[in-house]
Protein backbone atom coordinates (compact mmCIF):
# COMPACT_ATOMS: atom_id res chain seq x y z
CA MET A 1 -6.96 -7.33 13.20
CA ALA A 2 -6.06 -6.70 16.82
CA GLY A 3 -5.57 -3.11 17.97
CA LEU A 4 -1.89 -3.63 18.77
CA THR A 5 -1.09 -4.90 15.27
CA LYS A 6 -2.64 -1.92 13.49
CA ARG A 7 -0.31 0.93 12.65
CA THR A 8 -1.49 4.35 13.70
CA LEU A 9 -2.19 6.99 11.11
CA ALA A 10 0.99 8.88 12.05
CA GLU A 11 3.02 5.68 11.66
CA GLN A 12 1.51 5.03 8.23
CA ILE A 13 2.22 8.58 7.08
CA GLY A 14 5.67 8.56 8.65
CA SER A 15 5.45 12.02 10.17
CA PRO A 16 3.44 13.98 12.72
CA LEU A 17 -0.18 14.54 11.76
CA PRO A 18 -1.22 17.99 10.54
CA ALA A 19 -3.22 19.99 13.08
CA GLY A 20 -6.48 19.54 11.16
CA ILE A 21 -6.19 15.76 11.22
CA GLU A 22 -4.91 15.72 14.80
CA ALA A 23 -8.09 17.57 15.81
CA LEU A 24 -10.27 14.69 14.62
CA ALA A 25 -11.86 12.33 17.10
CA GLU A 26 -9.99 9.05 17.67
CA HIS A 27 -12.60 7.00 15.80
CA GLU A 28 -12.33 9.37 12.83
CA LYS A 29 -8.55 9.06 12.79
CA GLN A 30 -8.94 5.28 12.96
CA ASP A 31 -11.39 5.39 10.03
CA LEU A 32 -8.86 7.45 8.07
CA ALA A 33 -6.04 5.04 8.98
CA ASP A 34 -8.18 2.09 7.86
CA ALA A 35 -9.00 3.84 4.57
CA LEU A 36 -5.32 4.62 3.96
CA ARG A 37 -4.34 1.01 4.71
CA GLU A 38 -6.98 -0.30 2.29
CA ALA A 39 -5.96 2.19 -0.42
CA ARG A 40 -2.32 1.10 -0.10
CA ARG A 41 -3.38 -2.56 -0.29
CA ARG A 42 -5.38 -1.88 -3.48
CA GLN A 43 -2.51 0.12 -4.94
CA ALA A 44 -0.04 -2.70 -4.28
CA ALA A 45 -2.40 -5.20 -5.91
CA SER A 46 -2.86 -2.94 -8.94
CA LEU A 47 0.89 -2.45 -9.31
CA ALA A 48 1.49 -6.20 -9.12
CA ALA A 49 -1.21 -6.83 -11.73
CA ALA A 50 0.27 -4.15 -14.01
CA GLY A 51 3.71 -5.72 -13.67
CA GLU A 52 2.35 -9.12 -14.64
CA GLU A 53 0.39 -7.57 -17.52
CA GLY A 54 3.55 -5.85 -18.77
CA LEU A 55 5.37 -9.17 -18.87
CA LYS A 56 3.09 -10.24 -21.72
CA TYR A 57 5.18 -7.98 -23.97
CA VAL A 58 8.45 -9.62 -22.94
CA PRO A 59 9.54 -12.68 -24.93
CA ALA A 60 8.67 -15.86 -23.05
CA PHE A 61 12.27 -17.01 -22.67
CA LEU A 62 13.18 -13.73 -20.89
CA ARG A 63 10.18 -13.48 -18.56
CA GLY A 64 11.77 -15.39 -15.68
CA ALA A 65 14.84 -13.14 -15.65
CA VAL A 66 12.76 -9.98 -16.01
CA ARG A 67 10.35 -11.11 -13.28
CA LYS A 68 13.32 -11.75 -10.98
CA ALA A 69 14.90 -8.37 -11.80
CA MET A 70 11.58 -6.61 -11.13
CA GLY A 71 11.03 -8.49 -7.89
CA LEU A 72 7.76 -10.08 -9.02
């Protein structure tokens, strides 16, 4: 991913960085930003999988409507 397309750590968090994190070297902040991005990607994948798993308990004829209502 190109440097310009990556969101900074502060952009990902949505607020100014705490002093302790701001004191880190740039490469350390980038490592933290990369880890946060990956964690959010894994979380989104897990949530999507859980949503699909939960649909197994919905009667088949309702799954399409429930999937649409849930945004899956």
